[in-house]
Amino acid sequence: MQQGTENLIYQKASKCWACVNKSVEMFNKLLKEESDFNAPDYYKARNLLRDADGFLKEALKNAKKLLGPTPAYASEEYEKWRDELLEEFQILAMSQEYEALRSELFADDFLREWMDHESIEILLKKHFQAQQSGKRKLSNIKARIILDRLEELIDQAKEMNKQAIQKQQS
């Protein structure tokens, strides 16, 4: 699976990833003890964080459209197109057993680009049971893991933002 193709599907998530990583990098630089507070860098990092938050909201909306239940008014052609799209770009997890699913996620290029095996394992354990309950489908766990990882990074960046404000005030 090519990264460019995946980015078409996860376009907003990829933009969120880029923004939040750059924001975290800039906040880390600002929070170093020996460095002085640089207001322009702080505002740029804060704006990147705001953009990342917006991209995450759009990614969640897109995921609901792509993976959620089809509307009652949707035609059979739309449902067929959506199913083919999900299969072609391997957005859905094929495995249903924990170990097979774990191996599948470890082999996924897109997930490996964003996180290490330990992070994938933690998020898989966190969502494996919940993703099988109610109206949720286990096959949607890849998207759940990606979105959860982005939320974690945004929360981390928000905490760094608070620390940067405290540093500037002191």
N, C-alpha and C. Protein backbone atom coordinates (compact mmCIF):
# COMPACT_ATOMS: atom_id res chain seq x y z
N MET A 1 0.85 -1.17 0.00
CA MET A 1 0.00 0.00 0.00
C MET A 1 0.89 1.24 0.00
N GLN A 2 0.61 2.16 -0.88
CA GLN A 2 1.46 3.33 -1.00
C GLN A 2 0.99 4.42 -0.04
N GLN A 3 1.97 5.15 0.46
CA GLN A 3 1.66 6.21 1.43
C GLN A 3 0.78 7.28 0.80
N GLY A 4 1.04 7.65 -0.44
CA GLY A 4 0.25 8.67 -1.10
C GLY A 4 -1.21 8.29 -1.19
N THR A 5 -1.47 7.04 -1.50
CA THR A 5 -2.84 6.55 -1.58
C THR A 5 -3.49 6.60 -0.21
N GLU A 6 -2.77 6.16 0.81
CA GLU A 6 -3.32 6.19 2.17
C GLU A 6 -3.63 7.62 2.59
N ASN A 7 -2.77 8.56 2.23
CA ASN A 7 -2.99 9.94 2.63
C ASN A 7 -4.23 10.54 1.98
N LEU A 8 -4.64 10.01 0.83
CA LEU A 8 -5.89 10.48 0.24
C LEU A 8 -7.07 10.09 1.13
N ILE A 9 -6.98 8.92 1.72
CA ILE A 9 -8.05 8.45 2.59
C ILE A 9 -7.97 9.14 3.95
N TYR A 10 -6.78 9.20 4.49
CA TYR A 10 -6.57 9.78 5.82
C TYR A 10 -6.02 11.21 5.70
N GLN A 11 -6.51 11.95 4.73
CA GLN A 11 -5.95 13.26 4.44
C GLN A 11 -5.99 14.20 5.64
N LYS A 12 -7.12 14.33 6.29
CA LYS A 12 -7.22 15.24 7.44
C LYS A 12 -6.40 14.72 8.62
N ALA A 13 -6.40 13.40 8.79
CA ALA A 13 -5.61 12.82 9.87
C ALA A 13 -4.12 13.07 9.63
N SER A 14 -3.69 12.99 8.39
CA SER A 14 -2.28 13.23 8.07
C SER A 14 -1.90 14.69 8.30
N LYS A 15 -2.80 15.59 7.95
CA LYS A 15 -2.55 17.01 8.20
C LYS A 15 -2.51 17.29 9.70
N CYS A 16 -3.39 16.66 10.43
CA CYS A 16 -3.40 16.80 11.89
C CYS A 16 -2.08 16.29 12.46
N TRP A 17 -1.64 15.15 11.99
CA TRP A 17 -0.37 14.54 12.44
C TRP A 17 0.80 15.50 12.22
N ALA A 18 0.86 16.09 11.03
CA ALA A 18 1.96 17.01 10.72
C ALA A 18 1.91 18.24 11.61
N CYS A 19 0.74 18.81 11.79
CA CYS A 19 0.60 20.02 12.61
C CYS A 19 0.93 19.76 14.07
N VAL A 20 0.41 18.67 14.62
CA VAL A 20 0.63 18.42 16.04
C VAL A 20 2.08 18.05 16.31
N ASN A 21 2.72 17.33 15.39
CA ASN A 21 4.14 17.02 15.59
C ASN A 21 5.00 18.27 15.56
N LYS A 22 4.72 19.16 14.64
CA LYS A 22 5.48 20.41 14.56
C LYS A 22 5.23 21.26 15.80
N SER A 23 3.99 21.27 16.27
CA SER A 23 3.64 22.02 17.47
C SER A 23 4.38 21.47 18.69
N VAL A 24 4.40 20.16 18.86
CA VAL A 24 5.09 19.54 19.99
C VAL A 24 6.59 19.84 19.92
N GLU A 25 7.14 19.78 18.72
CA GLU A 25 8.56 20.08 18.53
C GLU A 25 8.87 21.52 18.96
N MET A 26 8.01 22.45 18.56
CA MET A 26 8.23 23.85 18.90
C MET A 26 8.03 24.09 20.40
N PHE A 27 7.03 23.46 21.00
CA PHE A 27 6.83 23.60 22.45
C PHE A 27 8.02 23.02 23.21
N ASN A 28 8.55 21.90 22.75
CA ASN A 28 9.74 21.32 23.40
C ASN A 28 10.90 22.31 23.38
N LYS A 29 11.08 22.96 22.25
CA LYS A 29 12.15 23.94 22.12
C LYS A 29 11.92 25.12 23.07
N LEU A 30 10.67 25.56 23.18
CA LEU A 30 10.33 26.68 24.07
C LEU A 30 10.51 26.32 25.54
N LEU A 31 10.28 25.07 25.88
CA LEU A 31 10.30 24.66 27.28
C LEU A 31 11.69 24.27 27.79
N LYS A 32 12.67 24.25 26.90
CA LYS A 32 14.03 23.96 27.36
C LYS A 32 14.44 25.01 28.37
N GLU A 33 15.07 24.57 29.43
CA GLU A 33 15.46 25.46 30.53
C GLU A 33 16.37 26.60 30.08
N GLU A 34 17.34 26.28 29.22
CA GLU A 34 18.33 27.30 28.87
C GLU A 34 17.83 28.31 27.83
N SER A 35 16.74 27.99 27.17
CA SER A 35 16.29 28.92 26.13
C SER A 35 15.34 29.97 26.72
N ASP A 36 15.43 31.17 26.17
CA ASP A 36 14.51 32.23 26.55
C ASP A 36 13.17 32.00 25.86
N PHE A 37 12.14 32.60 26.43
CA PHE A 37 10.82 32.46 25.84
C PHE A 37 10.77 33.26 24.55
N ASN A 38 10.38 32.61 23.47
CA ASN A 38 10.31 33.24 22.16
C ASN A 38 8.84 33.36 21.78
N ALA A 39 8.28 34.56 21.91
CA ALA A 39 6.85 34.77 21.68
C ALA A 39 6.40 34.38 20.27
N PRO A 40 7.13 34.76 19.20
CA PRO A 40 6.66 34.35 17.86
C PRO A 40 6.59 32.83 17.69
N ASP A 41 7.58 32.11 18.24
CA ASP A 41 7.55 30.66 18.16
C ASP A 41 6.39 30.09 18.97
N TYR A 42 6.12 30.70 20.11
CA TYR A 42 4.99 30.25 20.93
C TYR A 42 3.68 30.40 20.17
N TYR A 43 3.48 31.55 19.55
CA TYR A 43 2.23 31.78 18.82
C TYR A 43 2.11 30.85 17.62
N LYS A 44 3.23 30.58 16.97
CA LYS A 44 3.20 29.65 15.83
C LYS A 44 2.84 28.24 16.31
N ALA A 45 3.45 27.81 17.43
CA ALA A 45 3.15 26.49 17.98
C ALA A 45 1.69 26.40 18.41
N ARG A 46 1.20 27.46 19.02
CA ARG A 46 -0.19 27.48 19.46
C ARG A 46 -1.15 27.42 18.27
N ASN A 47 -0.82 28.15 17.21
CA ASN A 47 -1.66 28.13 16.01
C ASN A 47 -1.63 26.76 15.32
N LEU A 48 -0.47 26.13 15.31
CA LEU A 48 -0.38 24.77 14.76
C LEU A 48 -1.23 23.80 15.57
N LEU A 49 -1.23 23.97 16.88
CA LEU A 49 -2.05 23.14 17.74
C LEU A 49 -3.54 23.36 17.45
N ARG A 50 -3.92 24.59 17.28
CA ARG A 50 -5.31 24.91 16.93
C ARG A 50 -5.69 24.28 15.59
N ASP A 51 -4.79 24.37 14.60
CA ASP A 51 -5.04 23.75 13.30
C ASP A 51 -5.17 22.24 13.42
N ALA A 52 -4.29 21.64 14.22
CA ALA A 52 -4.33 20.18 14.41
C ALA A 52 -5.66 19.77 15.02
N ASP A 53 -6.13 20.54 15.98
CA ASP A 53 -7.41 20.24 16.62
C ASP A 53 -8.55 20.31 15.58
N GLY A 54 -8.50 21.29 14.72
CA GLY A 54 -9.51 21.41 13.66
C GLY A 54 -9.44 20.25 12.68
N PHE A 55 -8.24 19.86 12.29
CA PHE A 55 -8.10 18.73 11.38
C PHE A 55 -8.59 17.44 12.02
N LEU A 56 -8.37 17.28 13.33
CA LEU A 56 -8.85 16.09 14.01
C LEU A 56 -10.38 16.05 13.99
N LYS A 57 -11.02 17.17 14.22
CA LYS A 57 -12.48 17.21 14.18
C LYS A 57 -13.00 16.84 12.79
N GLU A 58 -12.32 17.34 11.75
CA GLU A 58 -12.71 16.99 10.39
C GLU A 58 -12.45 15.51 10.10
N ALA A 59 -11.34 14.98 10.62
CA ALA A 59 -11.03 13.56 10.43
C ALA A 59 -12.08 12.68 11.10
N LEU A 60 -12.53 13.09 12.29
CA LEU A 60 -13.58 12.35 12.98
C LEU A 60 -14.88 12.37 12.16
N LYS A 61 -15.19 13.52 11.60
CA LYS A 61 -16.41 13.64 10.78
C LYS A 61 -16.30 12.75 9.54
N ASN A 62 -15.12 12.76 8.91
CA ASN A 62 -14.92 11.92 7.72
C ASN A 62 -14.97 10.44 8.08
N ALA A 63 -14.42 10.07 9.23
CA ALA A 63 -14.44 8.67 9.65
C ALA A 63 -15.88 8.21 9.90
N LYS A 64 -16.68 9.08 10.48
CA LYS A 64 -18.08 8.72 10.71
C LYS A 64 -18.81 8.49 9.38
N LYS A 65 -18.52 9.33 8.38
CA LYS A 65 -19.15 9.17 7.07
C LYS A 65 -18.68 7.88 6.40
N LEU A 66 -17.39 7.62 6.50
CA LEU A 66 -16.81 6.49 5.79
C LEU A 66 -17.06 5.16 6.49
N LEU A 67 -17.05 5.16 7.82
CA LEU A 67 -17.14 3.91 8.56
C LEU A 67 -18.45 3.71 9.30
N GLY A 68 -19.21 4.77 9.44
CA GLY A 68 -20.46 4.67 10.19
C GLY A 68 -21.56 4.01 9.36
N PRO A 69 -22.72 3.92 9.95
CA PRO A 69 -23.84 3.33 9.21
C PRO A 69 -24.21 4.20 8.01
N THR A 70 -24.63 3.55 6.96
CA THR A 70 -25.03 4.31 5.78
C THR A 70 -26.39 4.93 6.02
N PRO A 71 -26.60 6.12 5.50
CA PRO A 71 -27.90 6.77 5.68
C PRO A 71 -29.01 5.96 4.99
N ALA A 72 -30.21 6.09 5.47
CA ALA A 72 -31.35 5.34 4.92
C ALA A 72 -31.59 5.68 3.45
N TYR A 73 -31.26 6.90 3.05
CA TYR A 73 -31.51 7.33 1.69
C TYR A 73 -30.38 6.95 0.72
N ALA A 74 -29.31 6.34 1.22
CA ALA A 74 -28.17 5.99 0.37
C ALA A 74 -28.55 4.87 -0.60
N SER A 75 -28.06 5.01 -1.81
CA SER A 75 -28.35 4.00 -2.83
C SER A 75 -27.44 2.79 -2.65
N GLU A 76 -27.81 1.71 -3.32
CA GLU A 76 -26.99 0.50 -3.27
C GLU A 76 -25.63 0.77 -3.92
N GLU A 77 -25.61 1.62 -4.93
CA GLU A 77 -24.36 1.96 -5.60
C GLU A 77 -23.39 2.67 -4.65
N TYR A 78 -23.93 3.55 -3.81
CA TYR A 78 -23.10 4.24 -2.83
C TYR A 78 -22.51 3.25 -1.84
N GLU A 79 -23.34 2.35 -1.34
CA GLU A 79 -22.86 1.35 -0.40
C GLU A 79 -21.80 0.46 -1.03
N LYS A 80 -22.02 0.08 -2.28
CA LYS A 80 -21.04 -0.76 -2.99
C LYS A 80 -19.74 0.00 -3.18
N TRP A 81 -19.83 1.28 -3.59
CA TRP A 81 -18.64 2.10 -3.78
C TRP A 81 -17.86 2.25 -2.47
N ARG A 82 -18.57 2.50 -1.39
CA ARG A 82 -17.92 2.67 -0.09
C ARG A 82 -17.23 1.39 0.35
N ASP A 83 -17.89 0.26 0.18
CA ASP A 83 -17.29 -1.02 0.56
C ASP A 83 -16.04 -1.32 -0.27
N GLU A 84 -16.10 -1.02 -1.57
CA GLU A 84 -14.94 -1.24 -2.44
C GLU A 84 -13.79 -0.32 -2.04
N LEU A 85 -14.10 0.92 -1.72
CA LEU A 85 -13.08 1.88 -1.30
C LEU A 85 -12.39 1.43 -0.03
N LEU A 86 -13.17 1.01 0.95
CA LEU A 86 -12.61 0.55 2.22
C LEU A 86 -11.73 -0.68 2.03
N GLU A 87 -12.15 -1.57 1.15
CA GLU A 87 -11.36 -2.78 0.90
C GLU A 87 -10.10 -2.46 0.10
N GLU A 88 -10.24 -1.63 -0.93
CA GLU A 88 -9.10 -1.30 -1.79
C GLU A 88 -7.97 -0.64 -1.02
N PHE A 89 -8.30 0.28 -0.14
CA PHE A 89 -7.28 1.01 0.60
C PHE A 89 -6.97 0.38 1.96
N GLN A 90 -7.51 -0.79 2.21
CA GLN A 90 -7.24 -1.57 3.41
C GLN A 90 -7.44 -0.74 4.69
N ILE A 91 -8.55 -0.05 4.73
CA ILE A 91 -8.88 0.76 5.90
C ILE A 91 -9.45 -0.12 7.01
N LEU A 92 -10.13 -1.18 6.60
CA LEU A 92 -10.72 -2.08 7.57
C LEU A 92 -9.74 -3.18 7.95
N ALA A 93 -9.78 -3.58 9.19
CA ALA A 93 -8.98 -4.71 9.64
C ALA A 93 -9.70 -5.99 9.22
N MET A 94 -8.96 -6.94 8.70
CA MET A 94 -9.56 -8.18 8.22
C MET A 94 -9.65 -9.23 9.32
N SER A 95 -8.73 -9.23 10.25
CA SER A 95 -8.67 -10.25 11.28
C SER A 95 -9.70 -9.99 12.38
N GLN A 96 -10.16 -11.08 12.97
CA GLN A 96 -11.13 -10.97 14.05
C GLN A 96 -10.58 -11.50 15.38
N GLU A 97 -9.53 -12.28 15.32
CA GLU A 97 -8.89 -12.82 16.52
C GLU A 97 -7.80 -11.85 16.97
N TYR A 98 -7.56 -11.79 18.28
CA TYR A 98 -6.63 -10.81 18.84
C TYR A 98 -5.23 -10.93 18.25
N GLU A 99 -4.65 -12.12 18.26
CA GLU A 99 -3.26 -12.29 17.80
C GLU A 99 -3.13 -11.99 16.31
N ALA A 100 -4.08 -12.44 15.52
CA ALA A 100 -4.04 -12.18 14.08
C ALA A 100 -4.21 -10.68 13.81
N LEU A 101 -5.08 -10.05 14.56
CA LEU A 101 -5.29 -8.60 14.42
C LEU A 101 -4.04 -7.83 14.83
N ARG A 102 -3.42 -8.28 15.89
CA ARG A 102 -2.17 -7.67 16.36
C ARG A 102 -1.10 -7.72 15.27
N SER A 103 -0.93 -8.88 14.66
CA SER A 103 0.05 -9.04 13.58
C SER A 103 -0.29 -8.16 12.38
N GLU A 104 -1.58 -8.10 12.07
CA GLU A 104 -2.02 -7.27 10.94
C GLU A 104 -1.71 -5.78 11.19
N LEU A 105 -1.98 -5.33 12.41
CA LEU A 105 -1.73 -3.92 12.73
C LEU A 105 -0.23 -3.62 12.77
N PHE A 106 0.57 -4.55 13.27
CA PHE A 106 2.02 -4.36 13.29
C PHE A 106 2.58 -4.26 11.87
N ALA A 107 1.94 -4.94 10.92
CA ALA A 107 2.42 -4.94 9.54
C ALA A 107 1.89 -3.75 8.73
N ASP A 108 0.92 -3.04 9.25
CA ASP A 108 0.32 -1.92 8.53
C ASP A 108 1.31 -0.77 8.42
N ASP A 109 1.63 -0.38 7.19
CA ASP A 109 2.63 0.67 6.94
C ASP A 109 2.22 2.01 7.54
N PHE A 110 0.95 2.35 7.41
CA PHE A 110 0.48 3.64 7.89
C PHE A 110 0.60 3.74 9.41
N LEU A 111 0.20 2.69 10.12
CA LEU A 111 0.31 2.69 11.58
C LEU A 111 1.77 2.71 12.02
N ARG A 112 2.60 1.94 11.35
CA ARG A 112 4.02 1.88 11.73
C ARG A 112 4.72 3.21 11.51
N GLU A 113 4.25 3.98 10.55
CA GLU A 113 4.83 5.30 10.31
C GLU A 113 4.54 6.24 11.48
N TRP A 114 3.42 6.06 12.14
CA TRP A 114 2.96 6.97 13.18
C TRP A 114 3.30 6.53 14.59
N MET A 115 3.48 5.22 14.79
CA MET A 115 3.73 4.75 16.16
C MET A 115 4.51 3.45 16.16
N ASP A 116 5.11 3.18 17.30
CA ASP A 116 5.89 1.96 17.44
C ASP A 116 4.97 0.80 17.85
N HIS A 117 5.55 -0.41 17.90
CA HIS A 117 4.76 -1.60 18.25
C HIS A 117 4.13 -1.49 19.63
N GLU A 118 4.84 -0.90 20.57
CA GLU A 118 4.33 -0.78 21.93
C GLU A 118 3.07 0.09 21.96
N SER A 119 3.09 1.19 21.24
CA SER A 119 1.92 2.08 21.20
C SER A 119 0.73 1.39 20.53
N ILE A 120 1.00 0.67 19.46
CA ILE A 120 -0.07 -0.07 18.77
C ILE A 120 -0.66 -1.10 19.72
N GLU A 121 0.20 -1.81 20.43
CA GLU A 121 -0.25 -2.84 21.38
C GLU A 121 -1.13 -2.24 22.47
N ILE A 122 -0.71 -1.12 23.02
CA ILE A 122 -1.48 -0.46 24.09
C ILE A 122 -2.87 -0.05 23.59
N LEU A 123 -2.91 0.58 22.41
CA LEU A 123 -4.19 1.02 21.88
C LEU A 123 -5.07 -0.16 21.46
N LEU A 124 -4.45 -1.22 20.97
CA LEU A 124 -5.23 -2.41 20.61
C LEU A 124 -5.87 -3.02 21.85
N LYS A 125 -5.10 -3.15 22.92
CA LYS A 125 -5.66 -3.68 24.17
C LYS A 125 -6.78 -2.80 24.69
N LYS A 126 -6.59 -1.49 24.56
CA LYS A 126 -7.59 -0.54 25.05
C LYS A 126 -8.92 -0.66 24.29
N HIS A 127 -8.85 -0.90 22.99
CA HIS A 127 -10.05 -0.84 22.17
C HIS A 127 -10.59 -2.20 21.72
N PHE A 128 -9.85 -3.28 21.92
CA PHE A 128 -10.25 -4.58 21.37
C PHE A 128 -11.64 -5.00 21.84
N GLN A 129 -11.89 -4.98 23.13
CA GLN A 129 -13.20 -5.41 23.65
C GLN A 129 -14.30 -4.40 23.32
N ALA A 130 -14.00 -3.13 23.51
CA ALA A 130 -15.02 -2.09 23.28
C ALA A 130 -15.43 -2.02 21.82
N GLN A 131 -14.51 -2.30 20.92
CA GLN A 131 -14.80 -2.20 19.49
C GLN A 131 -15.72 -3.33 19.03
N GLN A 132 -15.90 -4.35 19.85
CA GLN A 132 -16.78 -5.46 19.49
C GLN A 132 -18.17 -5.32 20.10
N SER A 133 -18.38 -4.33 20.95
CA SER A 133 -19.65 -4.20 21.65
C SER A 133 -20.56 -3.19 20.97
N GLY A 134 -21.82 -3.34 21.20
CA GLY A 134 -22.80 -2.40 20.64
C GLY A 134 -22.84 -2.46 19.13
N LYS A 135 -22.93 -1.29 18.52
CA LYS A 135 -23.01 -1.20 17.06
C LYS A 135 -21.63 -1.08 16.42
N ARG A 136 -20.59 -1.07 17.23
CA ARG A 136 -19.24 -0.93 16.70
C ARG A 136 -18.80 -2.21 16.02
N LYS A 137 -17.89 -2.05 15.06
CA LYS A 137 -17.35 -3.20 14.35
C LYS A 137 -15.86 -3.28 14.62
N LEU A 138 -15.38 -4.48 14.86
CA LEU A 138 -13.96 -4.69 15.11
C LEU A 138 -13.13 -4.30 13.89
N SER A 139 -13.70 -4.41 12.72
CA SER A 139 -12.96 -4.09 11.50
C SER A 139 -12.59 -2.60 11.42
N ASN A 140 -13.26 -1.75 12.20
CA ASN A 140 -12.96 -0.32 12.19
C ASN A 140 -11.87 0.08 13.19
N ILE A 141 -11.20 -0.89 13.77
CA ILE A 141 -10.25 -0.61 14.84
C ILE A 141 -9.03 0.18 14.36
N LYS A 142 -8.64 0.03 13.10
CA LYS A 142 -7.49 0.81 12.59
C LYS A 142 -7.77 2.30 12.68
N ALA A 143 -8.94 2.71 12.22
CA ALA A 143 -9.30 4.12 12.28
C ALA A 143 -9.39 4.59 13.72
N ARG A 144 -9.94 3.75 14.60
CA ARG A 144 -10.05 4.10 16.01
C ARG A 144 -8.68 4.33 16.62
N ILE A 145 -7.72 3.48 16.29
CA ILE A 145 -6.36 3.60 16.83
C ILE A 145 -5.70 4.88 16.32
N ILE A 146 -5.86 5.17 15.04
CA ILE A 146 -5.26 6.37 14.47
C ILE A 146 -5.83 7.62 15.12
N LEU A 147 -7.14 7.68 15.24
CA LEU A 147 -7.78 8.86 15.84
C LEU A 147 -7.44 9.00 17.32
N ASP A 148 -7.34 7.87 18.00
CA ASP A 148 -6.98 7.91 19.42
C ASP A 148 -5.55 8.41 19.60
N ARG A 149 -4.65 7.99 18.73
CA ARG A 149 -3.26 8.44 18.79
C ARG A 149 -3.18 9.96 18.57
N LEU A 150 -3.95 10.45 17.63
CA LEU A 150 -3.96 11.89 17.38
C LEU A 150 -4.51 12.65 18.59
N GLU A 151 -5.54 12.13 19.22
CA GLU A 151 -6.08 12.77 20.42
C GLU A 151 -5.05 12.81 21.53
N GLU A 152 -4.29 11.73 21.70
CA GLU A 152 -3.24 11.70 22.71
C GLU A 152 -2.19 12.77 22.45
N LEU A 153 -1.77 12.89 21.20
CA LEU A 153 -0.75 13.89 20.86
C LEU A 153 -1.26 15.31 21.05
N ILE A 154 -2.51 15.55 20.71
CA ILE A 154 -3.08 16.88 20.89
C ILE A 154 -3.18 17.20 22.38
N ASP A 155 -3.58 16.23 23.19
CA ASP A 155 -3.62 16.45 24.64
C ASP A 155 -2.23 16.76 25.18
N GLN A 156 -1.23 16.05 24.69
CA GLN A 156 0.15 16.30 25.11
C GLN A 156 0.57 17.72 24.73
N ALA A 157 0.24 18.13 23.51
CA ALA A 157 0.59 19.48 23.06
C ALA A 157 -0.15 20.54 23.87
N LYS A 158 -1.39 20.29 24.24
CA LYS A 158 -2.14 21.25 25.06
C LYS A 158 -1.51 21.40 26.44
N GLU A 159 -1.03 20.30 26.99
CA GLU A 159 -0.34 20.37 28.28
C GLU A 159 0.96 21.16 28.15
N MET A 160 1.67 20.95 27.06
CA MET A 160 2.91 21.70 26.82
C MET A 160 2.61 23.18 26.63
N ASN A 161 1.47 23.49 26.02
CA ASN A 161 1.04 24.87 25.85
C ASN A 161 0.85 25.53 27.22
N LYS A 162 0.22 24.82 28.14
CA LYS A 162 0.02 25.35 29.50
C LYS A 162 1.37 25.60 30.18
N GLN A 163 2.30 24.67 30.01
CA GLN A 163 3.62 24.81 30.62
C GLN A 163 4.36 26.00 30.01
N ALA A 164 4.19 26.22 28.70
CA ALA A 164 4.85 27.35 28.04
C ALA A 164 4.30 28.67 28.56
N ILE A 165 2.99 28.70 28.80
CA ILE A 165 2.37 29.92 29.34
C ILE A 165 2.94 30.19 30.73
N GLN A 166 3.04 29.16 31.56
CA GLN A 166 3.60 29.31 32.90
C GLN A 166 5.06 29.79 32.85
N LYS A 167 5.81 29.25 31.92
CA LYS A 167 7.21 29.66 31.78
C LYS A 167 7.30 31.13 31.39
N GLN A 168 6.43 31.55 30.50
CA GLN A 168 6.45 32.94 30.04
C GLN A 168 6.06 33.88 31.15
N GLN A 169 5.13 33.46 32.00
CA GLN A 169 4.68 34.32 33.09
C GLN A 169 5.67 34.43 34.23
N SER A 170 6.54 33.44 34.33
CA SER A 170 7.52 33.48 35.45
C SER A 170 8.81 34.15 35.06
